[in-house]
Amino acid sequence: MYVSGRVQGVFFRQGTRNKAVSEGVSGWVRNLGDGRVEAVFEGDADAVERMVNWCRVGPEGARVDGLMSEISRNIEGLTGFSVRY
């Protein structure tokens, strides 16, 4: 998933990680050089959907202008959730 808007410097990655841990979703999140945030989620379909919905708004201070997501059946077998740098 790619999230655009004011999503860097507003604790978007950490908020995403916290939400993913609380939902039991595995994956990762990182900032991109073009100002977007990229995230990968694996887990229960309902929990992943809640993650996508959370990312539509993000943490306080964020402004989400766009969200592009793709559902893939290619499971990487991720465990835990990390913030990538």
PDB file of N, CA and C in Angstrom:
ATOM      1  N   MET A   1       0.838  -1.147   0.000  1.00  0.00           N
ATOM      2  CA  MET A   1       0.000   0.000   0.000  1.00  0.00           C
ATOM      3  C   MET A   1       0.895   1.226   0.000  1.00  0.00           C
ATOM      4  N   TYR A   2       0.442   2.279  -0.695  1.00  0.00           N
ATOM      5  CA  TYR A   2       1.147   3.549  -0.738  1.00  0.00           C
ATOM      6  C   TYR A   2       0.201   4.638  -0.249  1.00  0.00           C
ATOM      7  N   VAL A   3       0.688   5.459   0.671  1.00  0.00           N
ATOM      8  CA  VAL A   3      -0.113   6.531   1.240  1.00  0.00           C
ATOM      9  C   VAL A   3       0.582   7.846   0.934  1.00  0.00           C
ATOM     10  N   SER A   4      -0.175   8.796   0.380  1.00  0.00           N
ATOM     11  CA  SER A   4       0.405  10.097   0.055  1.00  0.00           C
ATOM     12  C   SER A   4      -0.301  11.201   0.820  1.00  0.00           C
ATOM     13  N   GLY A   5       0.353  12.337   0.907  1.00  0.00           N
ATOM     14  CA  GLY A   5      -0.154  13.492   1.636  1.00  0.00           C
ATOM     15  C   GLY A   5       0.895  13.942   2.629  1.00  0.00           C
ATOM     16  N   ARG A   6       0.452  14.493   3.735  1.00  0.00           N
ATOM     17  CA  ARG A   6       1.393  14.837   4.811  1.00  0.00           C
ATOM     18  C   ARG A   6       1.487  13.626   5.725  1.00  0.00           C
ATOM     19  N   VAL A   7       2.354  12.700   5.344  1.00  0.00           N
ATOM     20  CA  VAL A   7       2.437  11.414   6.040  1.00  0.00           C
ATOM     21  C   VAL A   7       3.840  11.116   6.560  1.00  0.00           C
ATOM     22  N   GLN A   8       4.767  12.040   6.354  1.00  0.00           N
ATOM     23  CA  GLN A   8       6.107  11.884   6.913  1.00  0.00           C
ATOM     24  C   GLN A   8       6.323  12.984   7.939  1.00  0.00           C
ATOM     25  N   GLY A   9       7.001  12.641   9.029  1.00  0.00           N
ATOM     26  CA  GLY A   9       7.249  13.604  10.088  1.00  0.00           C
ATOM     27  C   GLY A   9       6.063  13.801  11.015  1.00  0.00           C
ATOM     28  N   VAL A  10       5.085  12.909  10.945  1.00  0.00           N
ATOM     29  CA  VAL A  10       3.885  13.006  11.791  1.00  0.00           C
ATOM     30  C   VAL A  10       3.630  11.695  12.537  1.00  0.00           C
ATOM     31  N   PHE A  11       4.667  10.877  12.684  1.00  0.00           N
ATOM     32  CA  PHE A  11       4.588   9.590  13.389  1.00  0.00           C
ATOM     33  C   PHE A  11       3.669   8.590  12.696  1.00  0.00           C
ATOM     34  N   PHE A  12       3.575   8.692  11.364  1.00  0.00           N
ATOM     35  CA  PHE A  12       2.731   7.764  10.611  1.00  0.00           C
ATOM     36  C   PHE A  12       3.264   6.338  10.721  1.00  0.00           C
ATOM     37  N   ARG A  13       4.575   6.174  10.562  1.00  0.00           N
ATOM     38  CA  ARG A  13       5.144   4.819  10.626  1.00  0.00           C
ATOM     39  C   ARG A  13       4.944   4.197  11.999  1.00  0.00           C
ATOM     40  N   GLN A  14       5.235   4.956  13.049  1.00  0.00           N
ATOM     41  CA  GLN A  14       5.091   4.410  14.398  1.00  0.00           C
ATOM     42  C   GLN A  14       3.627   4.132  14.712  1.00  0.00           C
ATOM     43  N   GLY A  15       2.734   5.015  14.289  1.00  0.00           N
ATOM     44  CA  GLY A  15       1.300   4.782  14.498  1.00  0.00           C
ATOM     45  C   GLY A  15       0.822   3.542  13.770  1.00  0.00           C
ATOM     46  N   THR A  16       1.336   3.348  12.556  1.00  0.00           N
ATOM     47  CA  THR A  16       0.984   2.156  11.783  1.00  0.00           C
ATOM     48  C   THR A  16       1.471   0.905  12.496  1.00  0.00           C
ATOM     49  N   ARG A  17       2.692   0.948  12.991  1.00  0.00           N
ATOM     50  CA  ARG A  17       3.238  -0.195  13.719  1.00  0.00           C
ATOM     51  C   ARG A  17       2.393  -0.496  14.953  1.00  0.00           C
ATOM     52  N   ASN A  18       2.075   0.528  15.729  1.00  0.00           N
ATOM     53  CA  ASN A  18       1.279   0.320  16.945  1.00  0.00           C
ATOM     54  C   ASN A  18      -0.080  -0.293  16.624  1.00  0.00           C
ATOM     55  N   LYS A  19      -0.738   0.217  15.595  1.00  0.00           N
ATOM     56  CA  LYS A  19      -2.046  -0.313  15.197  1.00  0.00           C
ATOM     57  C   LYS A  19      -1.915  -1.757  14.713  1.00  0.00           C
ATOM     58  N   ALA A  20      -0.877  -2.046  13.927  1.00  0.00           N
ATOM     59  CA  ALA A  20      -0.679  -3.406  13.412  1.00  0.00           C
ATOM     60  C   ALA A  20      -0.450  -4.395  14.551  1.00  0.00           C
ATOM     61  N   VAL A  21       0.355  -4.003  15.523  1.00  0.00           N
ATOM     62  CA  VAL A  21       0.603  -4.886  16.667  1.00  0.00           C
ATOM     63  C   VAL A  21      -0.707  -5.142  17.413  1.00  0.00           C
ATOM     64  N   SER A  22      -1.509  -4.106  17.616  1.00  0.00           N
ATOM     65  CA  SER A  22      -2.767  -4.290  18.340  1.00  0.00           C
ATOM     66  C   SER A  22      -3.755  -5.148  17.555  1.00  0.00           C
ATOM     67  N   GLU A  23      -3.661  -5.135  16.221  1.00  0.00           N
ATOM     68  CA  GLU A  23      -4.550  -5.938  15.368  1.00  0.00           C
ATOM     69  C   GLU A  23      -3.995  -7.331  15.105  1.00  0.00           C
ATOM     70  N   GLY A  24      -2.755  -7.600  15.495  1.00  0.00           N
ATOM     71  CA  GLY A  24      -2.141  -8.896  15.229  1.00  0.00           C
ATOM     72  C   GLY A  24      -1.742  -9.079  13.775  1.00  0.00           C
ATOM     73  N   VAL A  25      -1.430  -7.978  13.108  1.00  0.00           N
ATOM     74  CA  VAL A  25      -1.055  -7.995  11.693  1.00  0.00           C
ATOM     75  C   VAL A  25       0.468  -7.951  11.579  1.00  0.00           C
ATOM     76  N   SER A  26       1.023  -8.751  10.694  1.00  0.00           N
ATOM     77  CA  SER A  26       2.457  -8.743  10.421  1.00  0.00           C
ATOM     78  C   SER A  26       2.735  -7.854   9.219  1.00  0.00           C
ATOM     79  N   GLY A  27       4.024  -7.464   9.082  1.00  0.00           N
ATOM     80  CA  GLY A  27       4.408  -6.682   7.914  1.00  0.00           C
ATOM     81  C   GLY A  27       5.445  -5.641   8.234  1.00  0.00           C
ATOM     82  N   TRP A  28       5.437  -4.575   7.458  1.00  0.00           N
ATOM     83  CA  TRP A  28       6.405  -3.496   7.646  1.00  0.00           C
ATOM     84  C   TRP A  28       5.873  -2.196   7.053  1.00  0.00           C
ATOM     85  N   VAL A  29       6.512  -1.088   7.439  1.00  0.00           N
ATOM     86  CA  VAL A  29       6.159   0.235   6.927  1.00  0.00           C
ATOM     87  C   VAL A  29       7.458   1.029   6.764  1.00  0.00           C
ATOM     88  N   ARG A  30       7.512   1.889   5.746  1.00  0.00           N
ATOM     89  CA  ARG A  30       8.702   2.720   5.540  1.00  0.00           C
ATOM     90  C   ARG A  30       8.331   4.005   4.797  1.00  0.00           C
ATOM     91  N   ASN A  31       9.167   5.023   4.982  1.00  0.00           N
ATOM     92  CA  ASN A  31       9.051   6.247   4.214  1.00  0.00           C
ATOM     93  C   ASN A  31       9.715   6.046   2.861  1.00  0.00           C
ATOM     94  N   LEU A  32       9.165   6.686   1.837  1.00  0.00           N
ATOM     95  CA  LEU A  32       9.772   6.683   0.515  1.00  0.00           C
ATOM     96  C   LEU A  32      10.360   8.065   0.232  1.00  0.00           C
ATOM     97  N   GLY A  33      11.317   8.120  -0.644  1.00  0.00           N
ATOM     98  CA  GLY A  33      11.987   9.367  -0.981  1.00  0.00           C
ATOM     99  C   GLY A  33      11.084  10.406  -1.604  1.00  0.00           C
ATOM    100  N   ASP A  34       9.959   9.992  -2.159  1.00  0.00           N
ATOM    101  CA  ASP A  34       9.047  10.940  -2.814  1.00  0.00           C
ATOM    102  C   ASP A  34       7.992  11.500  -1.863  1.00  0.00           C
ATOM    103  N   GLY A  35       8.111  11.211  -0.555  1.00  0.00           N
ATOM    104  CA  GLY A  35       7.188  11.753   0.437  1.00  0.00           C
ATOM    105  C   GLY A  35       6.048  10.830   0.818  1.00  0.00           C
ATOM    106  N   ARG A  36       5.914   9.707   0.127  1.00  0.00           N
ATOM    107  CA  ARG A  36       4.863   8.749   0.468  1.00  0.00           C
ATOM    108  C   ARG A  36       5.347   7.795   1.550  1.00  0.00           C
ATOM    109  N   VAL A  37       4.395   7.047   2.088  1.00  0.00           N
ATOM    110  CA  VAL A  37       4.686   5.948   3.004  1.00  0.00           C
ATOM    111  C   VAL A  37       4.239   4.665   2.307  1.00  0.00           C
ATOM    112  N   GLU A  38       5.071   3.637   2.400  1.00  0.00           N
ATOM    113  CA  GLU A  38       4.748   2.320   1.842  1.00  0.00           C
ATOM    114  C   GLU A  38       4.570   1.348   2.995  1.00  0.00           C
ATOM    115  N   ALA A  39       3.561   0.479   2.902  1.00  0.00           N
ATOM    116  CA  ALA A  39       3.328  -0.510   3.952  1.00  0.00           C
ATOM    117  C   ALA A  39       2.879  -1.824   3.333  1.00  0.00           C
ATOM    118  N   VAL A  40       3.246  -2.909   3.997  1.00  0.00           N
ATOM    119  CA  VAL A  40       2.822  -4.259   3.623  1.00  0.00           C
ATOM    120  C   VAL A  40       2.194  -4.881   4.862  1.00  0.00           C
ATOM    121  N   PHE A  41       1.004  -5.432   4.701  1.00  0.00           N
ATOM    122  CA  PHE A  41       0.288  -6.072   5.803  1.00  0.00           C
ATOM    123  C   PHE A  41      -0.019  -7.522   5.442  1.00  0.00           C
ATOM    124  N   GLU A  42       0.163  -8.416   6.420  1.00  0.00           N
ATOM    125  CA  GLU A  42      -0.233  -9.814   6.279  1.00  0.00           C
ATOM    126  C   GLU A  42      -0.990 -10.233   7.524  1.00  0.00           C
ATOM    127  N   GLY A  43      -2.044 -11.000   7.322  1.00  0.00           N
ATOM    128  CA  GLY A  43      -2.792 -11.503   8.461  1.00  0.00           C
ATOM    129  C   GLY A  43      -4.241 -11.753   8.104  1.00  0.00           C
ATOM    130  N   ASP A  44      -5.052 -11.842   9.140  1.00  0.00           N
ATOM    131  CA  ASP A  44      -6.485 -12.035   8.998  1.00  0.00           C
ATOM    132  C   ASP A  44      -7.059 -10.934   8.102  1.00  0.00           C
ATOM    133  N   ALA A  45      -7.916 -11.308   7.163  1.00  0.00           N
ATOM    134  CA  ALA A  45      -8.451 -10.351   6.189  1.00  0.00           C
ATOM    135  C   ALA A  45      -9.169  -9.181   6.863  1.00  0.00           C
ATOM    136  N   ASP A  46      -9.928  -9.436   7.911  1.00  0.00           N
ATOM    137  CA  ASP A  46     -10.632  -8.353   8.599  1.00  0.00           C
ATOM    138  C   ASP A  46      -9.650  -7.407   9.283  1.00  0.00           C
ATOM    139  N   ALA A  47      -8.612  -7.960   9.888  1.00  0.00           N
ATOM    140  CA  ALA A  47      -7.606  -7.129  10.558  1.00  0.00           C
ATOM    141  C   ALA A  47      -6.836  -6.291   9.532  1.00  0.00           C
ATOM    142  N   VAL A  48      -6.513  -6.874   8.392  1.00  0.00           N
ATOM    143  CA  VAL A  48      -5.823  -6.125   7.337  1.00  0.00           C
ATOM    144  C   VAL A  48      -6.724  -5.002   6.828  1.00  0.00           C
ATOM    145  N   GLU A  49      -8.001  -5.268   6.684  1.00  0.00           N
ATOM    146  CA  GLU A  49      -8.947  -4.229   6.252  1.00  0.00           C
ATOM    147  C   GLU A  49      -9.006  -3.088   7.264  1.00  0.00           C
ATOM    148  N   ARG A  50      -8.959  -3.417   8.554  1.00  0.00           N
ATOM    149  CA  ARG A  50      -8.937  -2.366   9.578  1.00  0.00           C
ATOM    150  C   ARG A  50      -7.660  -1.546   9.471  1.00  0.00           C
ATOM    151  N   MET A  51      -6.556  -2.178   9.110  1.00  0.00           N
ATOM    152  CA  MET A  51      -5.298  -1.448   8.920  1.00  0.00           C
ATOM    153  C   MET A  51      -5.416  -0.476   7.747  1.00  0.00           C
ATOM    154  N   VAL A  52      -5.967  -0.945   6.653  1.00  0.00           N
ATOM    155  CA  VAL A  52      -6.138  -0.081   5.480  1.00  0.00           C
ATOM    156  C   VAL A  52      -7.029   1.102   5.847  1.00  0.00           C
ATOM    157  N   ASN A  53      -8.110   0.843   6.550  1.00  0.00           N
ATOM    158  CA  ASN A  53      -9.013   1.929   6.949  1.00  0.00           C
ATOM    159  C   ASN A  53      -8.315   2.911   7.880  1.00  0.00           C
ATOM    160  N   TRP A  54      -7.484   2.405   8.797  1.00  0.00           N
ATOM    161  CA  TRP A  54      -6.734   3.295   9.680  1.00  0.00           C
ATOM    162  C   TRP A  54      -5.798   4.187   8.863  1.00  0.00           C
ATOM    163  N   CYS A  55      -5.161   3.611   7.869  1.00  0.00           N
ATOM    164  CA  CYS A  55      -4.215   4.365   7.048  1.00  0.00           C
ATOM    165  C   CYS A  55      -4.903   5.431   6.193  1.00  0.00           C
ATOM    166  N   ARG A  56      -6.185   5.305   5.974  1.00  0.00           N
ATOM    167  CA  ARG A  56      -6.924   6.340   5.233  1.00  0.00           C
ATOM    168  C   ARG A  56      -6.957   7.663   5.999  1.00  0.00           C
ATOM    169  N   VAL A  57      -6.760   7.590   7.318  1.00  0.00           N
ATOM    170  CA  VAL A  57      -6.785   8.776   8.179  1.00  0.00           C
ATOM    171  C   VAL A  57      -5.408   9.027   8.786  1.00  0.00           C
ATOM    172  N   GLY A  58      -4.790   7.957   9.313  1.00  0.00           N
ATOM    173  CA  GLY A  58      -3.481   8.074   9.937  1.00  0.00           C
ATOM    174  C   GLY A  58      -3.557   8.688  11.322  1.00  0.00           C
ATOM    175  N   PRO A  59      -2.401   8.995  11.888  1.00  0.00           N
ATOM    176  CA  PRO A  59      -2.356   9.563  13.230  1.00  0.00           C
ATOM    177  C   PRO A  59      -2.714  11.049  13.212  1.00  0.00           C
ATOM    178  N   GLU A  60      -2.933  11.585  14.388  1.00  0.00           N
ATOM    179  CA  GLU A  60      -3.186  13.017  14.511  1.00  0.00           C
ATOM    180  C   GLU A  60      -2.022  13.784  13.888  1.00  0.00           C
ATOM    181  N   GLY A  61      -2.312  14.784  13.124  1.00  0.00           N
ATOM    182  CA  GLY A  61      -1.269  15.565  12.457  1.00  0.00           C
ATOM    183  C   GLY A  61      -1.042  15.164  11.017  1.00  0.00           C
ATOM    184  N   ALA A  62      -1.500  13.970  10.647  1.00  0.00           N
ATOM    185  CA  ALA A  62      -1.347  13.513   9.261  1.00  0.00           C
ATOM    186  C   ALA A  62      -2.491  14.063   8.411  1.00  0.00           C
ATOM    187  N   ARG A  63      -2.218  14.169   7.126  1.00  0.00           N
ATOM    188  CA  ARG A  63      -3.256  14.497   6.148  1.00  0.00           C
ATOM    189  C   ARG A  63      -3.086  13.526   4.988  1.00  0.00           C
ATOM    190  N   VAL A  64      -3.991  12.598   4.862  1.00  0.00           N
ATOM    191  CA  VAL A  64      -3.905  11.594   3.797  1.00  0.00           C
ATOM    192  C   VAL A  64      -4.659  12.122   2.588  1.00  0.00           C
ATOM    193  N   ASP A  65      -3.923  12.310   1.486  1.00  0.00           N
ATOM    194  CA  ASP A  65      -4.518  12.783   0.235  1.00  0.00           C
ATOM    195  C   ASP A  65      -4.835  11.635  -0.709  1.00  0.00           C
ATOM    196  N   GLY A  66      -4.119  10.535  -0.581  1.00  0.00           N
ATOM    197  CA  GLY A  66      -4.349   9.409  -1.474  1.00  0.00           C
ATOM    198  C   GLY A  66      -3.857   8.116  -0.866  1.00  0.00           C
ATOM    199  N   LEU A  67      -4.500   7.037  -1.245  1.00  0.00           N
ATOM    200  CA  LEU A  67      -4.110   5.720  -0.784  1.00  0.00           C
ATOM    201  C   LEU A  67      -4.294   4.752  -1.945  1.00  0.00           C
ATOM    202  N   MET A  68      -3.231   4.055  -2.269  1.00  0.00           N
ATOM    203  CA  MET A  68      -3.289   3.053  -3.327  1.00  0.00           C
ATOM    204  C   MET A  68      -2.941   1.710  -2.694  1.00  0.00           C
ATOM    205  N   SER A  69      -3.885   0.794  -2.752  1.00  0.00           N
ATOM    206  CA  SER A  69      -3.624  -0.515  -2.159  1.00  0.00           C
ATOM    207  C   SER A  69      -3.892  -1.599  -3.180  1.00  0.00           C
ATOM    208  N   GLU A  70      -3.238  -2.710  -2.952  1.00  0.00           N
ATOM    209  CA  GLU A  70      -3.386  -3.867  -3.826  1.00  0.00           C
ATOM    210  C   GLU A  70      -3.436  -5.107  -2.956  1.00  0.00           C
ATOM    211  N   ILE A  71      -4.393  -5.954  -3.213  1.00  0.00           N
ATOM    212  CA  ILE A  71      -4.496  -7.223  -2.495  1.00  0.00           C
ATOM    213  C   ILE A  71      -3.714  -8.261  -3.279  1.00  0.00           C
ATOM    214  N   SER A  72      -2.846  -8.941  -2.572  1.00  0.00           N
ATOM    215  CA  SER A  72      -2.028  -9.968  -3.201  1.00  0.00           C
ATOM    216  C   SER A  72      -2.161 -11.256  -2.406  1.00  0.00           C
ATOM    217  N   ARG A  73      -2.173 -12.346  -3.097  1.00  0.00           N
ATOM    218  CA  ARG A  73      -2.227 -13.655  -2.437  1.00  0.00           C
ATOM    219  C   ARG A  73      -0.816 -14.212  -2.241  1.00  0.00           C
ATOM    220  N   ASN A  74       0.194 -13.442  -2.620  1.00  0.00           N
ATOM    221  CA  ASN A  74       1.591 -13.853  -2.437  1.00  0.00           C
ATOM    222  C   ASN A  74       2.008 -13.549  -1.001  1.00  0.00           C
ATOM    223  N   ILE A  75       1.912 -14.522  -0.154  1.00  0.00           N
ATOM    224  CA  ILE A  75       2.237 -14.356   1.256  1.00  0.00           C
ATOM    225  C   ILE A  75       3.739 -14.509   1.439  1.00  0.00           C
ATOM    226  N   GLU A  76       4.351 -13.521   2.115  1.00  0.00           N
ATOM    227  CA  GLU A  76       5.777 -13.575   2.379  1.00  0.00           C
ATOM    228  C   GLU A  76       6.089 -14.341   3.656  1.00  0.00           C
ATOM    229  N   GLY A  77       5.070 -14.611   4.469  1.00  0.00           N
ATOM    230  CA  GLY A  77       5.294 -15.323   5.732  1.00  0.00           C
ATOM    231  C   GLY A  77       5.966 -14.440   6.763  1.00  0.00           C
ATOM    232  N   LEU A  78       5.611 -13.155   6.777  1.00  0.00           N
ATOM    233  CA  LEU A  78       6.212 -12.218   7.721  1.00  0.00           C
ATOM    234  C   LEU A  78       5.748 -12.498   9.133  1.00  0.00           C
ATOM    235  N   THR A  79       6.612 -12.242  10.092  1.00  0.00           N
ATOM    236  CA  THR A  79       6.250 -12.356  11.500  1.00  0.00           C
ATOM    237  C   THR A  79       6.586 -11.038  12.179  1.00  0.00           C
ATOM    238  N   GLY A  80       5.680 -10.561  13.002  1.00  0.00           N
ATOM    239  CA  GLY A  80       5.893  -9.289  13.664  1.00  0.00           C
ATOM    240  C   GLY A  80       5.679  -8.126  12.712  1.00  0.00           C
ATOM    241  N   PHE A  81       5.848  -6.929  13.204  1.00  0.00           N
ATOM    242  CA  PHE A  81       5.681  -5.738  12.369  1.00  0.00           C
ATOM    243  C   PHE A  81       6.846  -4.811  12.632  1.00  0.00           C
ATOM    244  N   SER A  82       7.491  -4.349  11.566  1.00  0.00           N
ATOM    245  CA  SER A  82       8.684  -3.516  11.719  1.00  0.00           C
ATOM    246  C   SER A  82       8.554  -2.196  10.986  1.00  0.00           C
ATOM    247  N   VAL A  83       9.293  -1.223  11.485  1.00  0.00           N
ATOM    248  CA  VAL A  83       9.467   0.055  10.801  1.00  0.00           C
ATOM    249  C   VAL A  83      10.802  -0.050  10.082  1.00  0.00           C
ATOM    250  N   ARG A  84      10.775   0.102   8.776  1.00  0.00           N
ATOM    251  CA  ARG A  84      12.002   0.038   7.988  1.00  0.00           C
ATOM    252  C   ARG A  84      12.527   1.433   7.744  1.00  0.00           C
ATOM    253  N   TYR A  85      13.838   1.538   7.719  1.00  0.00           N
ATOM    254  CA  TYR A  85      14.489   2.836   7.492  1.00  0.00           C
ATOM    255  C   TYR A  85      15.276   2.835   6.218  1.00  0.00           C
TER     256      TYR A  85
END
